[in-house]
C-alpha atoms as a PDB file:
ATOM      1  CA  MET A   1     100.007  71.927 108.416  1.00  0.00           C
ATOM      2  CA  SER A   2     101.915  73.565 111.256  1.00  0.00           C
ATOM      3  CA  GLN A   3     100.714  76.824 112.735  1.00  0.00           C
ATOM      4  CA  GLY A   4     103.402  79.536 112.833  1.00  0.00           C
ATOM      5  CA  GLN A   5     104.040  81.712 115.814  1.00  0.00           C
ATOM      6  CA  VAL A   6     104.157  85.481 116.201  1.00  0.00           C
ATOM      7  CA  TRP A   7     106.960  86.973 118.279  1.00  0.00           C
ATOM      8  CA  LEU A   8     107.213  90.631 119.262  1.00  0.00           C
ATOM      9  CA  ARG A   9     110.418  92.446 120.072  1.00  0.00           C
ATOM     10  CA  GLN A  10     111.792  95.961 120.335  1.00  0.00           C
ATOM     11  CA  ALA A  11     113.102  97.391 117.077  1.00  0.00           C
ATOM     12  CA  GLN A  12     116.861  97.520 116.652  1.00  0.00           C
ATOM     13  CA  ALA A  13     119.075  99.507 114.305  1.00  0.00           C
ATOM     14  CA  ASP A  14     119.219  96.607 111.823  1.00  0.00           C
ATOM     15  CA  ASP A  15     115.415  96.888 111.398  1.00  0.00           C
ATOM     16  CA  ALA A  16     115.744 100.367 109.856  1.00  0.00           C
ATOM     17  CA  ALA A  17     115.753  99.234 106.213  1.00  0.00           C
ATOM     18  CA  PHE A  18     112.710  96.997 106.773  1.00  0.00           C
ATOM     19  CA  LEU A  19     110.797  99.813 108.487  1.00  0.00           C
ATOM     20  CA  ALA A  20     111.822 102.417 105.902  1.00  0.00           C
ATOM     21  CA  SER A  21     110.555 100.260 103.035  1.00  0.00           C
ATOM     22  CA  SER A  22     107.353  99.361 104.905  1.00  0.00           C
ATOM     23  CA  TRP A  23     106.635 102.928 106.012  1.00  0.00           C
ATOM     24  CA  ARG A  24     107.706 104.605 102.756  1.00  0.00           C
ATOM     25  CA  THR A  25     104.315 106.324 102.385  1.00  0.00           C
ATOM     26  CA  HIS A  26     104.647 107.812 105.882  1.00  0.00           C
ATOM     27  CA  LEU A  27     108.170 109.201 105.532  1.00  0.00           C
ATOM     28  CA  ARG A  28     109.434 112.443 104.108  1.00  0.00           C
ATOM     29  CA  GLU A  29     109.879 112.343 100.364  1.00  0.00           C
ATOM     30  CA  ALA A  30     113.619 112.905 100.140  1.00  0.00           C
ATOM     31  CA  GLU A  31     115.191 109.604  99.120  1.00  0.00           C
ATOM     32  CA  SER A  32     118.099 109.754 101.526  1.00  0.00           C
ATOM     33  CA  VAL A  33     116.138 110.428 104.713  1.00  0.00           C
ATOM     34  CA  GLY A  34     114.157 107.209 105.098  1.00  0.00           C
ATOM     35  CA  GLU A  35     116.615 105.096 107.061  1.00  0.00           C
ATOM     36  CA  ALA A  36     118.116 108.074 108.912  1.00  0.00           C
ATOM     37  CA  ASP A  37     114.638 109.072 110.094  1.00  0.00           C
ATOM     38  CA  ILE A  38     113.895 105.501 111.149  1.00  0.00           C
ATOM     39  CA  LEU A  39     117.158 105.223 113.096  1.00  0.00           C
ATOM     40  CA  ALA A  40     116.241 108.399 114.996  1.00  0.00           C
ATOM     41  CA  ILE A  41     112.780 106.955 115.758  1.00  0.00           C
ATOM     42  CA  ILE A  42     114.290 103.656 116.948  1.00  0.00           C
ATOM     43  CA  GLU A  43     116.729 105.490 119.241  1.00  0.00           C
ATOM     44  CA  ALA A  44     113.983 107.714 120.655  1.00  0.00           C
ATOM     45  CA  ALA A  45     111.753 104.708 121.358  1.00  0.00           C
ATOM     46  CA  GLN A  46     114.603 102.854 123.068  1.00  0.00           C
ATOM     47  CA  ALA A  47     115.306 105.873 125.296  1.00  0.00           C
ATOM     48  CA  SER A  48     111.693 106.597 126.281  1.00  0.00           C
ATOM     49  CA  ALA A  49     109.433 104.907 128.815  1.00  0.00           C
ATOM     50  CA  ASP A  50     106.431 106.252 126.906  1.00  0.00           C
ATOM     51  CA  GLU A  51     107.334 104.798 123.494  1.00  0.00           C
ATOM     52  CA  GLN A  52     107.879 101.366 122.042  1.00  0.00           C
ATOM     53  CA  LEU A  53     108.675 100.457 118.468  1.00  0.00           C
ATOM     54  CA  LEU A  54     107.617  96.850 118.080  1.00  0.00           C
ATOM     55  CA  ILE A  55     108.678  94.441 115.367  1.00  0.00           C
ATOM     56  CA  ALA A  56     106.495  91.389 114.798  1.00  0.00           C
ATOM     57  CA  GLU A  57     108.131  88.248 113.479  1.00  0.00           C
ATOM     58  CA  TYR A  58     106.294  85.260 112.078  1.00  0.00           C
ATOM     59  CA  ASP A  59     108.272  82.033 111.716  1.00  0.00           C
ATOM     60  CA  GLY A  60     111.492  84.024 112.051  1.00  0.00           C
ATOM     61  CA  GLU A  61     110.672  86.611 109.364  1.00  0.00           C
ATOM     62  CA  ARG A  62     109.783  90.239 109.951  1.00  0.00           C
ATOM     63  CA  ALA A  63     106.031  90.398 109.487  1.00  0.00           C
ATOM     64  CA  GLY A  64     104.914  93.787 110.804  1.00  0.00           C
ATOM     65  CA  ALA A  65     105.517  96.665 113.159  1.00  0.00           C
ATOM     66  CA  ALA A  66     103.869  99.420 115.158  1.00  0.00           C
ATOM     67  CA  LEU A  67     105.097 102.469 117.025  1.00  0.00           C
ATOM     68  CA  LEU A  68     103.362 102.911 120.380  1.00  0.00           C
ATOM     69  CA  ARG A  69     103.477 106.421 121.797  1.00  0.00           C
ATOM     70  CA  VAL A  70     101.840 107.941 124.857  1.00  0.00           C
ATOM     71  CA  THR A  71     100.547 111.385 123.968  1.00  0.00           C
ATOM     72  CA  THR A  72      97.464 113.532 124.549  1.00  0.00           C
ATOM     73  CA  VAL A  73      94.215 113.650 122.618  1.00  0.00           C
ATOM     74  CA  SER A  74      95.239 117.060 121.275  1.00  0.00           C
ATOM     75  CA  PRO A  75      97.251 120.094 122.372  1.00  0.00           C
ATOM     76  CA  LEU A  76      93.982 121.403 123.863  1.00  0.00           C
ATOM     77  CA  ASN A  77      92.652 118.155 125.351  1.00  0.00           C
ATOM     78  CA  LEU A  78      95.350 116.865 127.675  1.00  0.00           C
ATOM     79  CA  GLU A  79      93.749 113.473 128.360  1.00  0.00           C
ATOM     80  CA  PRO A  80      96.452 110.838 127.888  1.00  0.00           C
ATOM     81  CA  ILE A  81      95.970 108.542 124.943  1.00  0.00           C
ATOM     82  CA  LEU A  82      97.989 105.729 123.402  1.00  0.00           C
ATOM     83  CA  SER A  83      98.711 106.458 119.769  1.00  0.00           C
ATOM     84  CA  VAL A  84      99.423 103.357 117.696  1.00  0.00           C
ATOM     85  CA  VAL A  85     101.381 104.948 114.872  1.00  0.00           C
ATOM     86  CA  ALA A  86     101.582 103.318 111.434  1.00  0.00           C
ATOM     87  CA  PRO A  87     100.757  99.735 112.381  1.00  0.00           C
ATOM     88  CA  PHE A  88     101.259  97.418 109.438  1.00  0.00           C
ATOM     89  CA  VAL A  89     101.467  93.774 108.515  1.00  0.00           C
ATOM     90  CA  VAL A  90     103.434  92.563 105.505  1.00  0.00           C
ATOM     91  CA  ALA A  91     100.933  91.521 102.815  1.00  0.00           C
ATOM     92  CA  THR A  92     102.171  87.912 102.694  1.00  0.00           C
ATOM     93  CA  GLN A  93     101.843  87.590 106.478  1.00  0.00           C
ATOM     94  CA  ARG A  94      98.242  88.770 106.868  1.00  0.00           C
ATOM     95  CA  ARG A  95      95.580  86.606 108.508  1.00  0.00           C
ATOM     96  CA  LYS A  96      98.159  84.914 110.708  1.00  0.00           C
ATOM     97  CA  GLY A  97      97.587  86.872 113.928  1.00  0.00           C
ATOM     98  CA  VAL A  98     100.353  89.434 113.419  1.00  0.00           C
ATOM     99  CA  GLY A  99      98.062  92.483 113.633  1.00  0.00           C
ATOM    100  CA  ARG A 100      96.260  91.005 116.633  1.00  0.00           C
ATOM    101  CA  ALA A 101      99.576  90.434 118.421  1.00  0.00           C
ATOM    102  CA  LEU A 102     100.676  94.027 117.780  1.00  0.00           C
ATOM    103  CA  LEU A 103      97.380  95.456 119.043  1.00  0.00           C
ATOM    104  CA  ASN A 104      97.363  93.127 122.075  1.00  0.00           C
ATOM    105  CA  ALA A 105     100.799  94.517 122.932  1.00  0.00           C
ATOM    106  CA  ALA A 106      99.387  98.038 122.511  1.00  0.00           C
ATOM    107  CA  THR A 107      96.519  97.374 124.927  1.00  0.00           C
ATOM    108  CA  THR A 108      98.951  95.907 127.475  1.00  0.00           C
ATOM    109  CA  PHE A 109     101.250  98.929 127.074  1.00  0.00           C
ATOM    110  CA  ALA A 110      98.273 101.257 127.674  1.00  0.00           C
ATOM    111  CA  ASP A 111      97.005  99.265 130.682  1.00  0.00           C
ATOM    112  CA  GLU A 112     100.453  99.371 132.307  1.00  0.00           C
ATOM    113  CA  ARG A 113     100.359 103.166 132.107  1.00  0.00           C
ATOM    114  CA  GLY A 114      96.730 103.603 133.152  1.00  0.00           C
ATOM    115  CA  ILE A 115      95.655 104.901 129.756  1.00  0.00           C
ATOM    116  CA  ALA A 116      92.009 104.265 128.915  1.00  0.00           C
ATOM    117  CA  THR A 117      91.929 105.297 125.244  1.00  0.00           C
ATOM    118  CA  MET A 118      93.935 104.332 122.194  1.00  0.00           C
ATOM    119  CA  ALA A 119      93.953 105.725 118.687  1.00  0.00           C
ATOM    120  CA  THR A 120      95.439 104.866 115.349  1.00  0.00           C
ATOM    121  CA  VAL A 121      95.367 106.320 111.864  1.00  0.00           C
ATOM    122  CA  ALA A 122      94.588 104.448 108.684  1.00  0.00           C
ATOM    123  CA  SER A 123      94.710 105.920 105.224  1.00  0.00           C
ATOM    124  CA  ALA A 124      91.265 106.932 104.011  1.00  0.00           C
ATOM    125  CA  SER A 125      91.866 104.826 100.903  1.00  0.00           C
ATOM    126  CA  SER A 126      92.797 101.680 102.857  1.00  0.00           C
ATOM    127  CA  ARG A 127      89.450  99.942 103.044  1.00  0.00           C
ATOM    128  CA  GLU A 128      90.907  96.757 104.566  1.00  0.00           C
ATOM    129  CA  ALA A 129      92.708  98.594 107.396  1.00  0.00           C
ATOM    130  CA  ASN A 130      89.696 100.779 108.167  1.00  0.00           C
ATOM    131  CA  ARG A 131      87.386  97.761 108.308  1.00  0.00           C
ATOM    132  CA  TYR A 132      89.839  95.898 110.553  1.00  0.00           C
ATOM    133  CA  PHE A 133      90.106  98.768 113.031  1.00  0.00           C
ATOM    134  CA  SER A 134      86.344  99.276 112.950  1.00  0.00           C
ATOM    135  CA  ARG A 135      85.747  95.621 113.844  1.00  0.00           C
ATOM    136  CA  LEU A 136      88.011  96.135 116.866  1.00  0.00           C
ATOM    137  CA  GLY A 137      85.889  99.058 118.058  1.00  0.00           C
ATOM    138  CA  LEU A 138      88.044 101.957 116.866  1.00  0.00           C
ATOM    139  CA  GLY A 139      85.707 104.568 115.434  1.00  0.00           C
ATOM    140  CA  PRO A 140      86.371 107.877 113.719  1.00  0.00           C
ATOM    141  CA  HIS A 141      87.203 110.738 116.062  1.00  0.00           C
ATOM    142  CA  ALA A 142      88.453 113.378 113.657  1.00  0.00           C
ATOM    143  CA  LEU A 143      89.161 113.831 109.990  1.00  0.00           C
ATOM    144  CA  VAL A 144      92.634 114.988 109.058  1.00  0.00           C
ATOM    145  CA  ARG A 145      92.793 116.924 105.821  1.00  0.00           C
ATOM    146  CA  THR A 146      96.065 117.824 104.146  1.00  0.00           C
ATOM    147  CA  ALA A 147      97.083 119.956 101.177  1.00  0.00           C
ATOM    148  CA  PRO A 148     100.144 121.800  99.945  1.00  0.00           C
ATOM    149  CA  VAL A 149     100.438 125.244 101.550  1.00  0.00           C
ATOM    150  CA  ALA A 150     100.640 126.938  98.128  1.00  0.00           C
ATOM    151  CA  LEU A 151      97.300 125.396  97.112  1.00  0.00           C
ATOM    152  CA  VAL A 152      95.544 126.594 100.268  1.00  0.00           C
ATOM    153  CA  ALA A 153      97.071 130.079  99.889  1.00  0.00           C
ATOM    154  CA  SER A 154      95.888 130.356  96.294  1.00  0.00           C
ATOM    155  CA  ARG A 155      92.372 129.231  97.219  1.00  0.00           C
ATOM    156  CA  LEU A 156      92.249 131.714 100.114  1.00  0.00           C
ATOM    157  CA  ALA A 157      93.370 134.486  97.796  1.00  0.00           C
ATOM    158  CA  ALA A 158      90.747 133.485  95.236  1.00  0.00           C
ATOM    159  CA  ALA A 159      88.044 133.426  97.917  1.00  0.00           C
ATOM    160  CA  ALA A 160      89.066 136.922  99.004  1.00  0.00           C
ATOM    161  CA  GLY A 161      88.745 138.149  95.404  1.00  0.00           C
ATOM    162  CA  GLN A 162      92.458 138.589  94.903  1.00  0.00           C
ATOM    163  CA  ARG A 163      94.270 137.320  91.916  1.00  0.00           C
ATOM    164  CA  MET A 164      97.484 135.440  92.234  1.00  0.00           C
ATOM    165  CA  PRO A 165     100.218 137.100  90.171  1.00  0.00           C
ATOM    166  CA  ARG A 166     100.763 135.484  86.818  1.00  0.00           C
ATOM    167  CA  PRO A 167     104.325 134.546  86.054  1.00  0.00           C
ATOM    168  CA  ARG A 168     105.888 136.753  83.440  1.00  0.00           C
ATOM    169  CA  GLN A 169     107.496 135.131  80.448  1.00  0.00           C
ATOM    170  CA  GLY A 170     110.831 133.607  81.469  1.00  0.00           C
ATOM    171  CA  ALA A 171     110.288 134.347  85.167  1.00  0.00           C
ATOM    172  CA  LYS A 172     112.216 132.234  87.621  1.00  0.00           C
ATOM    173  CA  LEU A 173     110.349 130.124  90.158  1.00  0.00           C
ATOM    174  CA  ALA A 174     111.865 132.148  93.014  1.00  0.00           C
ATOM    175  CA  ASP A 175     110.420 135.367  91.514  1.00  0.00           C
ATOM    176  CA  VAL A 176     106.965 133.821  91.176  1.00  0.00           C
ATOM    177  CA  MET A 177     107.029 132.523  94.738  1.00  0.00           C
ATOM    178  CA  ALA A 178     108.178 135.930  96.054  1.00  0.00           C
ATOM    179  CA  ALA A 179     105.299 137.643  94.236  1.00  0.00           C
ATOM    180  CA  ARG A 180     102.821 135.167  95.719  1.00  0.00           C
ATOM    181  CA  ARG A 181     104.196 135.717  99.206  1.00  0.00           C
ATOM    182  CA  ALA A 182     103.796 139.469  98.726  1.00  0.00           C
ATOM    183  CA  VAL A 183     100.105 138.987  97.887  1.00  0.00           C
ATOM    184  CA  ARG A 184      99.610 136.869 101.012  1.00  0.00           C
ATOM    185  CA  ARG A 185     101.176 139.570 103.183  1.00  0.00           C
ATOM    186  CA  THR A 186      98.766 142.302 102.101  1.00  0.00           C
ATOM    187  CA  PRO A 187      96.216 143.351 104.775  1.00  0.00           C
ATOM    188  CA  ALA A 188      93.304 142.411 102.474  1.00  0.00           C
ATOM    189  CA  ALA A 189      94.470 138.787 102.501  1.00  0.00           C
ATOM    190  CA  ARG A 190      94.053 138.544 106.257  1.00  0.00           C
END
Protein backbone atom coordinates (compact mmCIF):
# COMPACT_ATOMS: atom_id res chain seq x y z
CA MET A 1 0.00 0.00 0.00
CA SER A 2 1.58 3.29 -1.04
CA GLN A 3 1.59 6.23 1.32
CA GLY A 4 0.17 9.43 -0.22
CA GLN A 5 1.79 12.79 0.12
CA VAL A 6 0.45 16.11 1.37
CA TRP A 7 1.32 19.23 -0.59
CA LEU A 8 0.55 22.78 0.52
CA ARG A 9 0.10 25.73 -1.78
CA GLN A 10 -1.38 29.21 -1.80
CA ALA A 11 -5.06 29.36 -2.70
CA GLN A 12 -5.93 30.55 -6.18
CA ALA A 13 -9.15 31.88 -7.68
CA ASP A 14 -10.09 28.41 -8.98
CA ASP A 15 -10.15 27.16 -5.35
CA ALA A 16 -13.10 29.44 -4.51
CA ALA A 17 -15.84 26.85 -5.13
CA PHE A 18 -14.01 24.23 -3.05
CA LEU A 19 -13.51 26.67 -0.17
CA ALA A 20 -17.08 28.00 -0.35
CA SER A 21 -18.53 24.49 -0.09
CA SER A 22 -16.10 23.51 2.68
CA TRP A 23 -16.61 26.70 4.68
CA ARG A 24 -20.37 26.97 4.09
CA THR A 25 -21.07 27.06 7.85
CA HIS A 26 -18.66 29.99 8.26
CA LEU A 27 -19.99 32.17 5.45
CA ARG A 28 -22.83 34.63 5.34
CA GLU A 29 -26.17 33.00 4.67
CA ALA A 30 -27.05 34.63 1.37
CA GLU A 31 -26.67 31.99 -1.32
CA SER A 32 -24.93 34.19 -3.85
CA VAL A 33 -22.17 35.53 -1.60
CA GLY A 34 -20.18 32.37 -0.87
CA GLU A 35 -17.78 32.36 -3.81
CA ALA A 36 -17.62 36.16 -4.05
CA ASP A 37 -16.61 36.34 -0.38
CA ILE A 38 -14.01 33.62 -0.89
CA LEU A 39 -12.53 35.39 -3.93
CA ALA A 40 -12.14 38.55 -1.84
CA ILE A 41 -10.43 36.53 0.92
CA ILE A 42 -8.08 34.87 -1.59
CA GLU A 43 -7.13 38.25 -3.09
CA ALA A 44 -6.54 39.79 0.34
CA ALA A 45 -4.33 36.87 1.40
CA GLN A 46 -2.32 37.09 -1.82
CA ALA A 47 -1.75 40.82 -1.28
CA SER A 48 -0.78 40.64 2.40
CA ALA A 49 2.48 39.62 4.05
CA ASP A 50 0.53 38.84 7.22
CA GLU A 51 -1.97 36.41 5.67
CA GLN A 52 -1.80 33.11 3.87
CA LEU A 53 -4.67 31.01 2.60
CA LEU A 54 -3.30 27.50 2.29
CA ILE A 55 -4.77 24.65 0.29
CA ALA A 56 -3.68 21.13 1.21
CA GLU A 57 -3.65 18.50 -1.51
CA TYR A 58 -3.36 14.78 -0.93
CA ASP A 59 -2.48 12.63 -3.94
CA GLY A 60 -3.43 15.52 -6.22
CA GLU A 61 -6.87 16.16 -4.69
CA ARG A 62 -7.85 19.11 -2.54
CA ALA A 63 -7.91 17.75 0.99
CA GLY A 64 -8.11 20.76 3.31
CA ALA A 65 -7.36 24.40 3.90
CA ALA A 66 -6.61 27.02 6.53
CA LEU A 67 -6.44 30.79 6.57
CA LEU A 68 -3.45 32.09 8.54
CA ARG A 69 -3.75 35.66 9.75
CA VAL A 70 -1.52 37.74 11.99
CA THR A 71 -3.68 39.74 14.37
CA THR A 72 -3.76 40.72 18.04
CA VAL A 73 -5.16 38.83 21.01
CA SER A 74 -7.98 41.38 21.19
CA PRO A 75 -8.58 45.06 20.45
CA LEU A 76 -7.46 45.70 24.05
CA ASN A 77 -4.54 43.25 24.22
CA LEU A 78 -2.21 44.16 21.38
CA GLU A 79 0.08 41.13 21.70
CA PRO A 80 0.51 39.67 18.22
CA ILE A 81 -1.03 36.28 17.69
CA LEU A 82 -1.39 33.95 14.72
CA SER A 83 -5.03 33.15 14.10
CA VAL A 84 -5.58 29.90 12.22
CA VAL A 85 -9.02 30.59 10.80
CA ALA A 86 -11.38 27.76 9.84
CA PRO A 87 -8.86 24.96 9.39
CA PHE A 88 -10.51 21.89 7.93
CA VAL A 89 -9.74 18.54 6.39
CA VAL A 90 -12.11 16.84 3.96
CA ALA A 91 -13.76 13.91 5.77
CA THR A 92 -12.41 11.31 3.33
CA GLN A 93 -8.86 12.65 3.74
CA ARG A 94 -8.63 12.57 7.54
CA ARG A 95 -5.90 10.63 9.35
CA LYS A 96 -3.49 11.11 6.46
CA GLY A 97 -1.43 13.98 7.87
CA VAL A 98 -3.33 16.81 6.17
CA GLY A 99 -4.23 18.63 9.40
CA ARG A 100 -0.70 18.16 10.73
CA ALA A 101 0.76 19.63 7.53
CA LEU A 102 -1.52 22.68 7.74
CA LEU A 103 -0.65 23.30 11.40
CA ASN A 104 3.07 22.76 10.76
CA ALA A 105 2.83 25.46 8.09
CA ALA A 106 1.06 27.69 10.64
CA THR A 107 3.83 27.26 13.21
CA THR A 108 6.47 28.03 10.57
CA PHE A 109 4.51 31.12 9.47
CA ALA A 110 4.35 32.30 13.11
CA ASP A 111 8.06 31.59 13.75
CA GLU A 112 9.06 33.59 10.67
CA ARG A 113 7.21 36.59 12.09
CA GLY A 114 8.37 36.19 15.69
CA ILE A 115 4.89 35.35 16.96
CA ALA A 116 4.85 33.21 20.09
CA THR A 117 1.13 32.37 20.33
CA MET A 118 -1.38 30.87 17.94
CA ALA A 119 -5.12 30.43 18.22
CA THR A 120 -7.88 28.72 16.34
CA VAL A 121 -11.62 28.31 16.73
CA ALA A 122 -13.53 25.06 16.61
CA SER A 123 -17.27 24.75 16.83
CA ALA A 124 -18.40 23.86 20.33
CA SER A 125 -20.30 20.92 18.85
CA SER A 126 -17.28 19.53 16.97
CA ARG A 127 -15.96 17.04 19.49
CA GLU A 128 -13.37 15.61 17.09
CA ALA A 129 -11.87 19.02 16.22
CA ASN A 130 -11.80 20.14 19.85
CA ARG A 131 -10.08 16.93 20.94
CA TYR A 132 -7.54 17.25 18.11
CA PHE A 133 -6.63 20.83 19.02
CA SER A 134 -6.50 19.93 22.71
CA ARG A 135 -4.02 17.12 22.02
CA LEU A 136 -1.82 19.69 20.26
CA GLY A 137 -1.81 21.91 23.34
CA LEU A 138 -4.40 24.49 22.30
CA GLY A 139 -6.56 25.20 25.32
CA PRO A 140 -9.62 27.37 25.78
CA HIS A 141 -8.90 31.07 26.15
CA ALA A 142 -12.35 32.58 25.79
CA LEU A 143 -15.89 31.54 25.08
CA VAL A 144 -17.63 33.25 22.20
CA ARG A 145 -21.39 33.43 22.55
CA THR A 146 -23.65 34.52 19.72
CA ALA A 147 -27.35 35.28 19.36
CA PRO A 148 -29.61 37.28 17.09
CA VAL A 149 -29.74 40.95 18.13
CA ALA A 150 -33.56 40.86 18.35
CA LEU A 151 -33.40 37.99 20.86
CA VAL A 152 -30.92 39.81 23.10
CA ALA A 153 -32.97 43.03 22.89
CA SER A 154 -36.16 41.23 23.89
CA ARG A 155 -34.43 39.52 26.83
CA LEU A 156 -32.94 42.84 27.99
CA ALA A 157 -36.36 44.45 27.79
CA ALA A 158 -37.89 41.57 29.74
CA ALA A 159 -35.17 41.82 32.40
CA ALA A 160 -35.87 45.54 32.74
CA GLY A 161 -39.58 44.81 33.27
CA GLN A 162 -40.64 46.21 29.94
CA ARG A 163 -42.95 44.43 27.63
CA MET A 164 -42.20 44.12 23.98
CA PRO A 165 -45.08 45.48 21.90
CA ARG A 166 -47.41 42.81 20.63
CA PRO A 167 -48.09 42.91 16.93
CA ARG A 168 -51.57 44.07 16.11
CA GLN A 169 -53.69 41.93 13.86
CA GLY A 170 -52.49 42.27 10.27
CA ALA A 171 -49.47 44.37 11.25
CA LYS A 172 -46.57 44.40 8.83
CA LEU A 173 -43.17 43.18 9.97
CA ALA A 174 -41.70 46.66 9.44
CA ASP A 175 -44.29 48.13 11.84
CA VAL A 176 -43.51 45.53 14.50
CA MET A 177 -39.78 46.10 14.18
CA ALA A 178 -40.24 49.89 14.39
CA ALA A 179 -42.29 49.50 17.58
CA ARG A 180 -39.59 47.29 19.10
CA ARG A 181 -36.89 49.79 18.21
CA ALA A 182 -38.93 52.53 19.88
CA VAL A 183 -39.04 50.49 23.11
CA ARG A 184 -35.27 50.00 23.00
CA ARG A 185 -34.71 53.74 22.62
CA THR A 186 -36.61 54.68 25.77
CA PRO A 187 -34.40 55.89 28.68
CA ALA A 188 -35.70 53.08 30.93
CA ALA A 189 -34.20 50.50 28.56
CA ARG A 190 -30.71 51.86 29.07
